[in-house]
Amino acid sequence: MRVIITGGTGMIGTALSERLVKRGDEVILLSRNPDRKQGQVVTGTRLEAWDGKSAAGWGELLNAETAIVNLAGENLSAGLWTTERKKRIIDSRVSAGLAVSQAVEQAKDKPLVVIQSSAVGYYGVEDPSLINEGHEAGKDFLSQVCLSWESSTSTVEKLGVRRAIIRTGVVLSRTEGALPKMLLPFYFFVGGPIGNGKQGFSWIHLQDEAAAIEFLINHPQARGVFNLTAPNPVNNREFAKMVGSVLNRPSFFPVPGFALKLMLGEMSTILLDGQFVKPKRLLEHGFEFTYSTAEKALQDLLKK
């Protein structure tokens, strides 16, 4: 199978590429700066240049044995959410999605599937109950980002192409993403919950994230929305306690919510708010998690 990944040089794309190359797939990574990325990608993958907003230069790579995984989008936590930056966050995702839609529309032989990235931020932060894929969208900025992101490739379904939307939680990796930043206070013996610690923390181990995407590529009956989160979400206080236990560090020094709001402004919602999300449809389709509990995931990531 040929798998084309937008945003494929990031953390999730790299982990997915490793799995796909290992099983013998042809993996093509679309990059705005392929020359700069040479040497930074998984051996056996191929880099192709693209402009991030059209099918120019790569649309002809599609055939009837192709899967597209659309992970492209500007990093949410790379800077304060100014009005200009909010626009770039949304535009980068919508432009990439429209490029995928354009490529599918122009392809003589339509691809097998489009995997469209999104996030659990879709559900907003107001509901403290356990959330599955049927829950409505929230009304905050992250919800609007996810709505726009998901809509950007909706036209491929009208063209007869299967589409699976992945609403991902916090992806846990020892070297990238949120976890290394969360660990830093613990290494200085001042770790603890963020804010009141009651906010939902819906997480997934990086290896399960990549395995779930591979699973959705492989299963022709898998279409629609799938939450990519482990089946056992916790609150932030519980997660901090688990981190402290695994690292043998204290976990009772809270990070004041007001301080984060002063430093980060609206972007503080990433840390201070959350959801308790269940991967209902993924489980119903038969996916099996390697790391179903936070304790097991942290043991794997932090005890190496």
C-alpha atoms as a PDB file:
ATOM      1  CA  MET A   1       0.000   0.000   0.000  1.00  0.00           C
ATOM      2  CA  ARG A   2       1.084   3.586  -0.632  1.00  0.00           C
ATOM      3  CA  VAL A   3       0.491   5.907   2.339  1.00  0.00           C
ATOM      4  CA  ILE A   4       0.804   9.668   1.900  1.00  0.00           C
ATOM      5  CA  ILE A   5       1.137  11.617   5.146  1.00  0.00           C
ATOM      6  CA  THR A   6       0.799  15.390   5.455  1.00  0.00           C
ATOM      7  CA  GLY A   7       2.499  16.652   8.589  1.00  0.00           C
ATOM      8  CA  GLY A   8       4.362  13.369   8.535  1.00  0.00           C
ATOM      9  CA  THR A   9       7.640  14.675   9.962  1.00  0.00           C
ATOM     10  CA  GLY A  10       6.103  15.395  13.372  1.00  0.00           C
ATOM     11  CA  MET A  11       5.836  13.132  16.407  1.00  0.00           C
ATOM     12  CA  ILE A  12       2.742  11.178  15.328  1.00  0.00           C
ATOM     13  CA  GLY A  13       3.749  11.002  11.672  1.00  0.00           C
ATOM     14  CA  THR A  14       7.160   9.625  12.594  1.00  0.00           C
ATOM     15  CA  ALA A  15       5.743   6.906  14.856  1.00  0.00           C
ATOM     16  CA  LEU A  16       3.196   5.968  12.187  1.00  0.00           C
ATOM     17  CA  SER A  17       5.878   5.916   9.470  1.00  0.00           C
ATOM     18  CA  GLU A  18       7.962   3.473  11.498  1.00  0.00           C
ATOM     19  CA  ARG A  19       5.039   1.047  11.714  1.00  0.00           C
ATOM     20  CA  LEU A  20       4.122   1.346   8.050  1.00  0.00           C
ATOM     21  CA  VAL A  21       7.668   0.983   6.733  1.00  0.00           C
ATOM     22  CA  LYS A  22       8.171  -2.055   8.948  1.00  0.00           C
ATOM     23  CA  ARG A  23       5.187  -3.800   7.366  1.00  0.00           C
ATOM     24  CA  GLY A  24       6.382  -2.980   3.848  1.00  0.00           C
ATOM     25  CA  ASP A  25       4.251   0.018   2.830  1.00  0.00           C
ATOM     26  CA  GLU A  26       5.494   2.778   0.566  1.00  0.00           C
ATOM     27  CA  VAL A  27       5.400   5.876   2.787  1.00  0.00           C
ATOM     28  CA  ILE A  28       5.481   9.364   1.261  1.00  0.00           C
ATOM     29  CA  LEU A  29       5.810  12.400   3.545  1.00  0.00           C
ATOM     30  CA  LEU A  30       4.664  15.787   2.251  1.00  0.00           C
ATOM     31  CA  SER A  31       6.792  18.665   3.499  1.00  0.00           C
ATOM     32  CA  ARG A  32       7.104  22.367   2.769  1.00  0.00           C
ATOM     33  CA  ASN A  33      10.862  22.079   3.364  1.00  0.00           C
ATOM     34  CA  PRO A  34      11.947  18.623   2.173  1.00  0.00           C
ATOM     35  CA  ASP A  35      15.631  19.591   1.814  1.00  0.00           C
ATOM     36  CA  ARG A  36      15.761  20.737   5.434  1.00  0.00           C
ATOM     37  CA  LYS A  37      13.992  17.595   6.648  1.00  0.00           C
ATOM     38  CA  GLN A  38      16.335  15.160   4.881  1.00  0.00           C
ATOM     39  CA  GLY A  39      18.068  13.017   7.494  1.00  0.00           C
ATOM     40  CA  GLN A  40      15.336  13.680  10.067  1.00  0.00           C
ATOM     41  CA  VAL A  41      12.778  11.199   8.771  1.00  0.00           C
ATOM     42  CA  VAL A  42      12.327   7.458   9.149  1.00  0.00           C
ATOM     43  CA  THR A  43      14.605   5.402   6.915  1.00  0.00           C
ATOM     44  CA  GLY A  44      12.609   3.972   4.037  1.00  0.00           C
ATOM     45  CA  THR A  45      10.221   6.923   3.726  1.00  0.00           C
ATOM     46  CA  ARG A  46      10.263   9.418   0.875  1.00  0.00           C
ATOM     47  CA  LEU A  47       9.912  13.192   1.110  1.00  0.00           C
ATOM     48  CA  GLU A  48       7.935  15.171  -1.454  1.00  0.00           C
ATOM     49  CA  ALA A  49       7.590  18.945  -1.580  1.00  0.00           C
ATOM     50  CA  TRP A  50       4.209  20.623  -1.337  1.00  0.00           C
ATOM     51  CA  ASP A  51       2.934  24.123  -0.722  1.00  0.00           C
ATOM     52  CA  GLY A  52       0.511  23.176   2.055  1.00  0.00           C
ATOM     53  CA  LYS A  53      -2.511  24.437   0.171  1.00  0.00           C
ATOM     54  CA  SER A  54      -2.872  22.551  -3.129  1.00  0.00           C
ATOM     55  CA  ALA A  55      -2.367  19.209  -4.858  1.00  0.00           C
ATOM     56  CA  ALA A  56       0.421  20.632  -7.029  1.00  0.00           C
ATOM     57  CA  GLY A  57       3.405  18.304  -7.239  1.00  0.00           C
ATOM     58  CA  TRP A  58       1.909  15.353  -5.359  1.00  0.00           C
ATOM     59  CA  GLY A  59      -1.687  14.833  -6.472  1.00  0.00           C
ATOM     60  CA  GLU A  60      -0.547  12.538  -9.270  1.00  0.00           C
ATOM     61  CA  LEU A  61       0.825  10.121  -6.638  1.00  0.00           C
ATOM     62  CA  LEU A  62      -2.692   8.975  -5.746  1.00  0.00           C
ATOM     63  CA  ASN A  63      -3.953   5.636  -6.984  1.00  0.00           C
ATOM     64  CA  ALA A  64      -6.531   3.049  -5.970  1.00  0.00           C
ATOM     65  CA  GLU A  65      -4.144   1.537  -3.412  1.00  0.00           C
ATOM     66  CA  THR A  66      -3.397   4.796  -1.588  1.00  0.00           C
ATOM     67  CA  ALA A  67      -4.258   5.945   1.920  1.00  0.00           C
ATOM     68  CA  ILE A  68      -3.919   9.618   2.877  1.00  0.00           C
ATOM     69  CA  VAL A  69      -3.287  10.588   6.496  1.00  0.00           C
ATOM     70  CA  ASN A  70      -3.802  14.317   7.011  1.00  0.00           C
ATOM     71  CA  LEU A  71      -1.966  15.434  10.156  1.00  0.00           C
ATOM     72  CA  ALA A  72      -0.903  18.903   8.995  1.00  0.00           C
ATOM     73  CA  GLY A  73      -1.503  21.977  11.129  1.00  0.00           C
ATOM     74  CA  GLU A  74       0.420  24.670  12.998  1.00  0.00           C
ATOM     75  CA  ASN A  75       1.466  23.761  16.547  1.00  0.00           C
ATOM     76  CA  LEU A  76      -1.124  25.045  19.018  1.00  0.00           C
ATOM     77  CA  SER A  77       1.380  25.685  21.793  1.00  0.00           C
ATOM     78  CA  ALA A  78       4.118  27.366  19.741  1.00  0.00           C
ATOM     79  CA  GLY A  79       3.133  30.879  20.879  1.00  0.00           C
ATOM     80  CA  LEU A  80       0.465  33.042  22.473  1.00  0.00           C
ATOM     81  CA  TRP A  81      -2.951  33.011  20.827  1.00  0.00           C
ATOM     82  CA  THR A  82      -3.003  36.464  19.309  1.00  0.00           C
ATOM     83  CA  THR A  83      -5.690  37.244  16.767  1.00  0.00           C
ATOM     84  CA  GLU A  84      -3.145  36.762  13.979  1.00  0.00           C
ATOM     85  CA  ARG A  85      -1.906  33.460  15.394  1.00  0.00           C
ATOM     86  CA  LYS A  86      -5.434  32.093  15.820  1.00  0.00           C
ATOM     87  CA  LYS A  87      -6.012  32.784  12.146  1.00  0.00           C
ATOM     88  CA  ARG A  88      -2.804  30.927  11.208  1.00  0.00           C
ATOM     89  CA  ILE A  89      -3.781  27.951  13.384  1.00  0.00           C
ATOM     90  CA  ILE A  90      -7.102  27.564  11.574  1.00  0.00           C
ATOM     91  CA  ASP A  91      -5.834  28.505   8.103  1.00  0.00           C
ATOM     92  CA  SER A  92      -2.977  25.980   8.208  1.00  0.00           C
ATOM     93  CA  ARG A  93      -5.419  23.159   8.924  1.00  0.00           C
ATOM     94  CA  VAL A  94      -8.089  24.217   6.476  1.00  0.00           C
ATOM     95  CA  SER A  95      -5.565  24.796   3.681  1.00  0.00           C
ATOM     96  CA  ALA A  96      -4.045  21.344   4.155  1.00  0.00           C
ATOM     97  CA  GLY A  97      -7.462  19.706   4.191  1.00  0.00           C
ATOM     98  CA  LEU A  98      -8.575  21.518   1.059  1.00  0.00           C
ATOM     99  CA  ALA A  99      -5.361  20.391  -0.633  1.00  0.00           C
ATOM    100  CA  VAL A 100      -6.217  16.779   0.211  1.00  0.00           C
ATOM    101  CA  SER A 101      -9.746  17.259  -1.113  1.00  0.00           C
ATOM    102  CA  GLN A 102      -8.371  18.771  -4.316  1.00  0.00           C
ATOM    103  CA  ALA A 103      -5.990  15.860  -4.830  1.00  0.00           C
ATOM    104  CA  VAL A 104      -8.797  13.334  -4.362  1.00  0.00           C
ATOM    105  CA  GLU A 105     -11.090  15.212  -6.725  1.00  0.00           C
ATOM    106  CA  GLN A 106      -8.432  15.333  -9.441  1.00  0.00           C
ATOM    107  CA  ALA A 107      -7.302  11.723  -9.041  1.00  0.00           C
ATOM    108  CA  LYS A 108      -8.346   9.373 -11.822  1.00  0.00           C
ATOM    109  CA  ASP A 109      -8.252   6.441  -9.408  1.00  0.00           C
ATOM    110  CA  LYS A 110      -9.617   7.471  -6.018  1.00  0.00           C
ATOM    111  CA  PRO A 111      -7.661   6.535  -2.878  1.00  0.00           C
ATOM    112  CA  LEU A 112      -8.881   3.901  -0.450  1.00  0.00           C
ATOM    113  CA  VAL A 113      -9.230   6.136   2.583  1.00  0.00           C
ATOM    114  CA  VAL A 114      -8.544   9.563   4.043  1.00  0.00           C
ATOM    115  CA  ILE A 115      -7.647   9.698   7.738  1.00  0.00           C
ATOM    116  CA  GLN A 116      -8.476  13.216   8.934  1.00  0.00           C
ATOM    117  CA  SER A 117      -6.811  14.487  12.090  1.00  0.00           C
ATOM    118  CA  SER A 118      -8.700  16.361  14.808  1.00  0.00           C
ATOM    119  CA  ALA A 119      -8.620  16.546  18.605  1.00  0.00           C
ATOM    120  CA  VAL A 120     -10.748  16.002  21.701  1.00  0.00           C
ATOM    121  CA  GLY A 121     -10.837  19.794  21.946  1.00  0.00           C
ATOM    122  CA  TYR A 122     -13.813  19.397  19.604  1.00  0.00           C
ATOM    123  CA  TYR A 123     -16.000  18.666  22.643  1.00  0.00           C
ATOM    124  CA  GLY A 124     -15.278  21.895  24.498  1.00  0.00           C
ATOM    125  CA  VAL A 125     -14.602  22.139  28.227  1.00  0.00           C
ATOM    126  CA  GLU A 126     -18.012  22.568  29.817  1.00  0.00           C
ATOM    127  CA  ASP A 127     -19.170  18.959  30.298  1.00  0.00           C
ATOM    128  CA  PRO A 128     -17.559  17.018  33.205  1.00  0.00           C
ATOM    129  CA  SER A 129     -19.198  13.718  32.184  1.00  0.00           C
ATOM    130  CA  LEU A 130     -17.663  10.874  30.180  1.00  0.00           C
ATOM    131  CA  ILE A 131     -17.786  11.795  26.492  1.00  0.00           C
ATOM    132  CA  ASN A 132     -18.024   9.552  23.441  1.00  0.00           C
ATOM    133  CA  GLU A 133     -18.129  10.306  19.722  1.00  0.00           C
ATOM    134  CA  GLY A 134     -21.792  11.278  19.748  1.00  0.00           C
ATOM    135  CA  HIS A 135     -21.237  14.310  21.972  1.00  0.00           C
ATOM    136  CA  GLU A 136     -21.858  17.720  20.419  1.00  0.00           C
ATOM    137  CA  ALA A 137     -19.147  20.271  19.690  1.00  0.00           C
ATOM    138  CA  GLY A 138     -18.157  22.896  22.222  1.00  0.00           C
ATOM    139  CA  LYS A 139     -18.237  26.644  21.692  1.00  0.00           C
ATOM    140  CA  ASP A 140     -14.666  27.713  22.492  1.00  0.00           C
ATOM    141  CA  PHE A 141     -11.753  28.416  20.144  1.00  0.00           C
ATOM    142  CA  LEU A 142     -10.376  24.863  20.163  1.00  0.00           C
ATOM    143  CA  SER A 143     -13.813  23.527  19.264  1.00  0.00           C
ATOM    144  CA  GLN A 144     -13.970  25.894  16.316  1.00  0.00           C
ATOM    145  CA  VAL A 145     -10.493  24.813  15.214  1.00  0.00           C
ATOM    146  CA  CYS A 146     -11.573  21.168  15.243  1.00  0.00           C
ATOM    147  CA  LEU A 147     -14.825  21.861  13.415  1.00  0.00           C
ATOM    148  CA  SER A 148     -12.977  23.688  10.641  1.00  0.00           C
ATOM    149  CA  TRP A 149     -10.267  21.017  10.523  1.00  0.00           C
ATOM    150  CA  GLU A 150     -12.745  18.172  10.163  1.00  0.00           C
ATOM    151  CA  SER A 151     -14.854  19.984   7.590  1.00  0.00           C
ATOM    152  CA  SER A 152     -11.845  20.664   5.358  1.00  0.00           C
ATOM    153  CA  THR A 153     -11.882  17.134   3.870  1.00  0.00           C
ATOM    154  CA  SER A 154     -15.612  16.403   4.046  1.00  0.00           C
ATOM    155  CA  THR A 155     -16.020  16.544   0.253  1.00  0.00           C
ATOM    156  CA  VAL A 156     -13.997  13.332  -0.245  1.00  0.00           C
ATOM    157  CA  GLU A 157     -16.958  11.348   1.087  1.00  0.00           C
ATOM    158  CA  LYS A 158     -19.139  12.729  -1.716  1.00  0.00           C
ATOM    159  CA  LEU A 159     -16.512  11.387  -4.110  1.00  0.00           C
ATOM    160  CA  GLY A 160     -16.985   7.896  -2.704  1.00  0.00           C
ATOM    161  CA  VAL A 161     -13.843   7.813  -0.543  1.00  0.00           C
ATOM    162  CA  ARG A 162     -13.964   6.383   2.956  1.00  0.00           C
ATOM    163  CA  ARG A 163     -13.032   8.921   5.623  1.00  0.00           C
ATOM    164  CA  ALA A 164     -12.160   8.380   9.284  1.00  0.00           C
ATOM    165  CA  ILE A 165     -11.824  11.370  11.620  1.00  0.00           C
ATOM    166  CA  ILE A 166      -9.451  10.890  14.551  1.00  0.00           C
ATOM    167  CA  ARG A 167     -10.103  13.072  17.610  1.00  0.00           C
ATOM    168  CA  THR A 168      -6.869  12.620  19.515  1.00  0.00           C
ATOM    169  CA  GLY A 169      -6.192  13.282  23.181  1.00  0.00           C
ATOM    170  CA  VAL A 170      -2.859  14.206  24.780  1.00  0.00           C
ATOM    171  CA  VAL A 171      -0.268  11.974  23.096  1.00  0.00           C
ATOM    172  CA  LEU A 172       2.300  10.696  25.591  1.00  0.00           C
ATOM    173  CA  SER A 173       5.905  10.394  24.430  1.00  0.00           C
ATOM    174  CA  ARG A 174       9.056  10.561  26.517  1.00  0.00           C
ATOM    175  CA  THR A 175      10.893  12.842  24.092  1.00  0.00           C
ATOM    176  CA  GLU A 176       8.249  15.044  22.433  1.00  0.00           C
ATOM    177  CA  GLY A 177       4.861  16.617  23.014  1.00  0.00           C
ATOM    178  CA  ALA A 178       3.311  17.552  26.341  1.00  0.00           C
ATOM    179  CA  LEU A 179       4.812  14.950  28.689  1.00  0.00           C
ATOM    180  CA  PRO A 180       8.442  16.193  28.787  1.00  0.00           C
ATOM    181  CA  LYS A 181       7.188  19.681  29.702  1.00  0.00           C
ATOM    182  CA  MET A 182       4.943  18.226  32.407  1.00  0.00           C
ATOM    183  CA  LEU A 183       7.835  16.220  33.861  1.00  0.00           C
ATOM    184  CA  LEU A 184      10.216  19.129  34.375  1.00  0.00           C
ATOM    185  CA  PRO A 185       8.836  20.295  37.770  1.00  0.00           C
ATOM    186  CA  PHE A 186       8.950  16.707  39.065  1.00  0.00           C
ATOM    187  CA  TYR A 187      12.660  16.465  38.315  1.00  0.00           C
ATOM    188  CA  PHE A 188      13.125  19.525  40.567  1.00  0.00           C
ATOM    189  CA  PHE A 189      10.903  17.957  43.289  1.00  0.00           C
ATOM    190  CA  VAL A 190       8.117  20.543  42.829  1.00  0.00           C
ATOM    191  CA  GLY A 191       5.690  18.551  40.664  1.00  0.00           C
ATOM    192  CA  GLY A 192       1.964  18.509  41.197  1.00  0.00           C
ATOM    193  CA  PRO A 193      -1.464  19.113  39.678  1.00  0.00           C
ATOM    194  CA  ILE A 194      -2.217  22.011  37.362  1.00  0.00           C
ATOM    195  CA  GLY A 195      -4.889  24.422  38.587  1.00  0.00           C
ATOM    196  CA  ASN A 196      -7.503  22.654  40.709  1.00  0.00           C
ATOM    197  CA  GLY A 197      -6.499  19.280  39.282  1.00  0.00           C
ATOM    198  CA  LYS A 198     -10.087  18.255  38.597  1.00  0.00           C
ATOM    199  CA  GLN A 199      -9.966  18.753  34.823  1.00  0.00           C
ATOM    200  CA  GLY A 200     -10.194  15.698  32.620  1.00  0.00           C
ATOM    201  CA  PHE A 201      -6.979  14.334  31.154  1.00  0.00           C
ATOM    202  CA  SER A 202      -7.694  12.183  28.106  1.00  0.00           C
ATOM    203  CA  TRP A 203      -4.409  10.711  26.974  1.00  0.00           C
ATOM    204  CA  ILE A 204      -2.989   8.060  24.638  1.00  0.00           C
ATOM    205  CA  HIS A 205       0.448   6.442  24.406  1.00  0.00           C
ATOM    206  CA  LEU A 206       2.247   7.411  21.177  1.00  0.00           C
ATOM    207  CA  GLN A 207       2.536   3.766  20.118  1.00  0.00           C
ATOM    208  CA  ASP A 208      -1.207   3.215  20.553  1.00  0.00           C
ATOM    209  CA  GLU A 209      -1.890   6.408  18.573  1.00  0.00           C
ATOM    210  CA  ALA A 210       0.142   5.108  15.637  1.00  0.00           C
ATOM    211  CA  ALA A 211      -1.332   1.612  15.971  1.00  0.00           C
ATOM    212  CA  ALA A 212      -4.882   3.006  15.979  1.00  0.00           C
ATOM    213  CA  ILE A 213      -4.275   5.001  12.786  1.00  0.00           C
ATOM    214  CA  GLU A 214      -2.827   1.895  11.135  1.00  0.00           C
ATOM    215  CA  PHE A 215      -5.889  -0.056  12.332  1.00  0.00           C
ATOM    216  CA  LEU A 216      -8.262   2.487  10.770  1.00  0.00           C
ATOM    217  CA  ILE A 217      -6.350   2.393   7.487  1.00  0.00           C
ATOM    218  CA  ASN A 218      -6.654  -1.394   7.407  1.00  0.00           C
ATOM    219  CA  HIS A 219     -10.361  -1.756   8.235  1.00  0.00           C
ATOM    220  CA  PRO A 220     -12.650  -0.854   5.321  1.00  0.00           C
ATOM    221  CA  GLN A 221     -15.701  -0.712   7.602  1.00  0.00           C
ATOM    222  CA  ALA A 222     -14.129   1.994   9.799  1.00  0.00           C
ATOM    223  CA  ARG A 223     -15.566   5.338   8.793  1.00  0.00           C
ATOM    224  CA  GLY A 224     -16.763   8.412  10.660  1.00  0.00           C
ATOM    225  CA  VAL A 225     -15.477   9.767  13.975  1.00  0.00           C
ATOM    226  CA  PHE A 226     -13.128   7.874  16.298  1.00  0.00           C
ATOM    227  CA  ASN A 227     -11.782   9.126  19.611  1.00  0.00           C
ATOM    228  CA  LEU A 228      -8.090   8.246  19.849  1.00  0.00           C
ATOM    229  CA  THR A 229      -7.745   8.218  23.612  1.00  0.00           C
ATOM    230  CA  ALA A 230      -6.970   5.438  26.057  1.00  0.00           C
ATOM    231  CA  PRO A 231     -10.081   3.818  27.590  1.00  0.00           C
ATOM    232  CA  ASN A 232      -9.244   5.065  31.095  1.00  0.00           C
ATOM    233  CA  PRO A 233      -9.075   8.873  31.281  1.00  0.00           C
ATOM    234  CA  VAL A 234      -8.069  10.397  34.615  1.00  0.00           C
ATOM    235  CA  ASN A 235      -8.181  13.857  36.119  1.00  0.00           C
ATOM    236  CA  ASN A 236      -5.078  16.005  36.210  1.00  0.00           C
ATOM    237  CA  ARG A 237      -4.485  15.456  39.928  1.00  0.00           C
ATOM    238  CA  GLU A 238      -4.572  11.678  39.511  1.00  0.00           C
ATOM    239  CA  PHE A 239      -2.162  11.867  36.591  1.00  0.00           C
ATOM    240  CA  ALA A 240       0.282  14.032  38.560  1.00  0.00           C
ATOM    241  CA  LYS A 241       0.155  11.544  41.432  1.00  0.00           C
ATOM    242  CA  MET A 242       0.966   8.675  39.037  1.00  0.00           C
ATOM    243  CA  VAL A 243       3.906  10.598  37.563  1.00  0.00           C
ATOM    244  CA  GLY A 244       5.249  11.274  41.048  1.00  0.00           C
ATOM    245  CA  SER A 245       4.902   7.627  41.984  1.00  0.00           C
ATOM    246  CA  VAL A 246       6.723   6.346  38.890  1.00  0.00           C
ATOM    247  CA  LEU A 247       9.523   8.913  39.248  1.00  0.00           C
ATOM    248  CA  ASN A 248       9.614   8.590  43.041  1.00  0.00           C
ATOM    249  CA  ARG A 249       9.106  12.344  43.382  1.00  0.00           C
ATOM    250  CA  PRO A 250       6.585  14.436  45.362  1.00  0.00           C
ATOM    251  CA  SER A 251       3.412  15.390  43.519  1.00  0.00           C
ATOM    252  CA  PHE A 252       1.665  17.828  45.857  1.00  0.00           C
ATOM    253  CA  PHE A 253       2.940  21.219  44.612  1.00  0.00           C
ATOM    254  CA  PRO A 254       0.093  22.674  42.537  1.00  0.00           C
ATOM    255  CA  VAL A 255       0.677  25.046  39.623  1.00  0.00           C
ATOM    256  CA  PRO A 256      -1.701  27.986  40.286  1.00  0.00           C
ATOM    257  CA  GLY A 257      -4.258  28.472  37.569  1.00  0.00           C
ATOM    258  CA  PHE A 258      -4.167  32.263  37.803  1.00  0.00           C
ATOM    259  CA  ALA A 259      -0.411  32.261  37.151  1.00  0.00           C
ATOM    260  CA  LEU A 260      -0.867  30.232  33.961  1.00  0.00           C
ATOM    261  CA  LYS A 261      -3.615  32.578  32.809  1.00  0.00           C
ATOM    262  CA  LEU A 262      -1.325  35.565  33.359  1.00  0.00           C
ATOM    263  CA  MET A 263       1.521  33.937  31.441  1.00  0.00           C
ATOM    264  CA  LEU A 264      -0.370  32.202  28.641  1.00  0.00           C
ATOM    265  CA  GLY A 265      -3.648  34.058  28.314  1.00  0.00           C
ATOM    266  CA  GLU A 266      -6.328  32.123  26.440  1.00  0.00           C
ATOM    267  CA  MET A 267      -3.821  29.394  25.558  1.00  0.00           C
ATOM    268  CA  SER A 268      -3.859  28.355  29.251  1.00  0.00           C
ATOM    269  CA  THR A 269      -7.045  26.417  28.462  1.00  0.00           C
ATOM    270  CA  ILE A 270      -4.822  23.649  27.065  1.00  0.00           C
ATOM    271  CA  LEU A 271      -3.543  23.020  30.603  1.00  0.00           C
ATOM    272  CA  LEU A 272      -6.382  24.205  32.829  1.00  0.00           C
ATOM    273  CA  ASP A 273      -9.331  22.621  31.037  1.00  0.00           C
ATOM    274  CA  GLY A 274     -10.008  19.159  29.705  1.00  0.00           C
ATOM    275  CA  GLN A 275     -12.448  16.368  28.988  1.00  0.00           C
ATOM    276  CA  PHE A 276     -13.036  12.772  30.045  1.00  0.00           C
ATOM    277  CA  VAL A 277     -13.174  11.082  26.642  1.00  0.00           C
ATOM    278  CA  LYS A 278     -13.904   7.421  25.888  1.00  0.00           C
ATOM    279  CA  PRO A 279     -12.803   5.655  22.647  1.00  0.00           C
ATOM    280  CA  LYS A 280     -16.188   3.967  22.285  1.00  0.00           C
ATOM    281  CA  ARG A 281     -16.184   3.378  18.519  1.00  0.00           C
ATOM    282  CA  LEU A 282     -12.549   2.295  18.367  1.00  0.00           C
ATOM    283  CA  LEU A 283     -13.241  -0.383  20.975  1.00  0.00           C
ATOM    284  CA  GLU A 284     -16.431  -1.453  19.195  1.00  0.00           C
ATOM    285  CA  HIS A 285     -14.419  -1.990  16.004  1.00  0.00           C
ATOM    286  CA  GLY A 286     -12.070  -4.323  17.855  1.00  0.00           C
ATOM    287  CA  PHE A 287      -8.973  -2.227  18.487  1.00  0.00           C
ATOM    288  CA  GLU A 288      -6.889  -3.440  21.422  1.00  0.00           C
ATOM    289  CA  PHE A 289      -4.795  -0.958  23.400  1.00  0.00           C
ATOM    290  CA  THR A 290      -1.315  -1.940  24.518  1.00  0.00           C
ATOM    291  CA  TYR A 291      -1.383   0.810  27.146  1.00  0.00           C
ATOM    292  CA  SER A 292      -4.914   1.053  28.513  1.00  0.00           C
ATOM    293  CA  THR A 293      -4.045   2.659  31.869  1.00  0.00           C
ATOM    294  CA  ALA A 294      -1.955   5.714  32.651  1.00  0.00           C
ATOM    295  CA  GLU A 295       0.131   3.727  35.139  1.00  0.00           C
ATOM    296  CA  LYS A 296       1.163   1.236  32.445  1.00  0.00           C
ATOM    297  CA  ALA A 297       1.919   3.982  29.933  1.00  0.00           C
ATOM    298  CA  LEU A 298       4.057   5.940  32.387  1.00  0.00           C
ATOM    299  CA  GLN A 299       5.913   2.823  33.482  1.00  0.00           C
ATOM    300  CA  ASP A 300       6.807   2.202  29.850  1.00  0.00           C
ATOM    301  CA  LEU A 301       7.796   5.785  29.090  1.00  0.00           C
ATOM    302  CA  LEU A 302       9.624   6.713  32.284  1.00  0.00           C
ATOM    303  CA  LYS A 303      11.307   3.529  33.441  1.00  0.00           C
ATOM    304  CA  LYS A 304      13.534   3.060  30.404  1.00  0.00           C
END
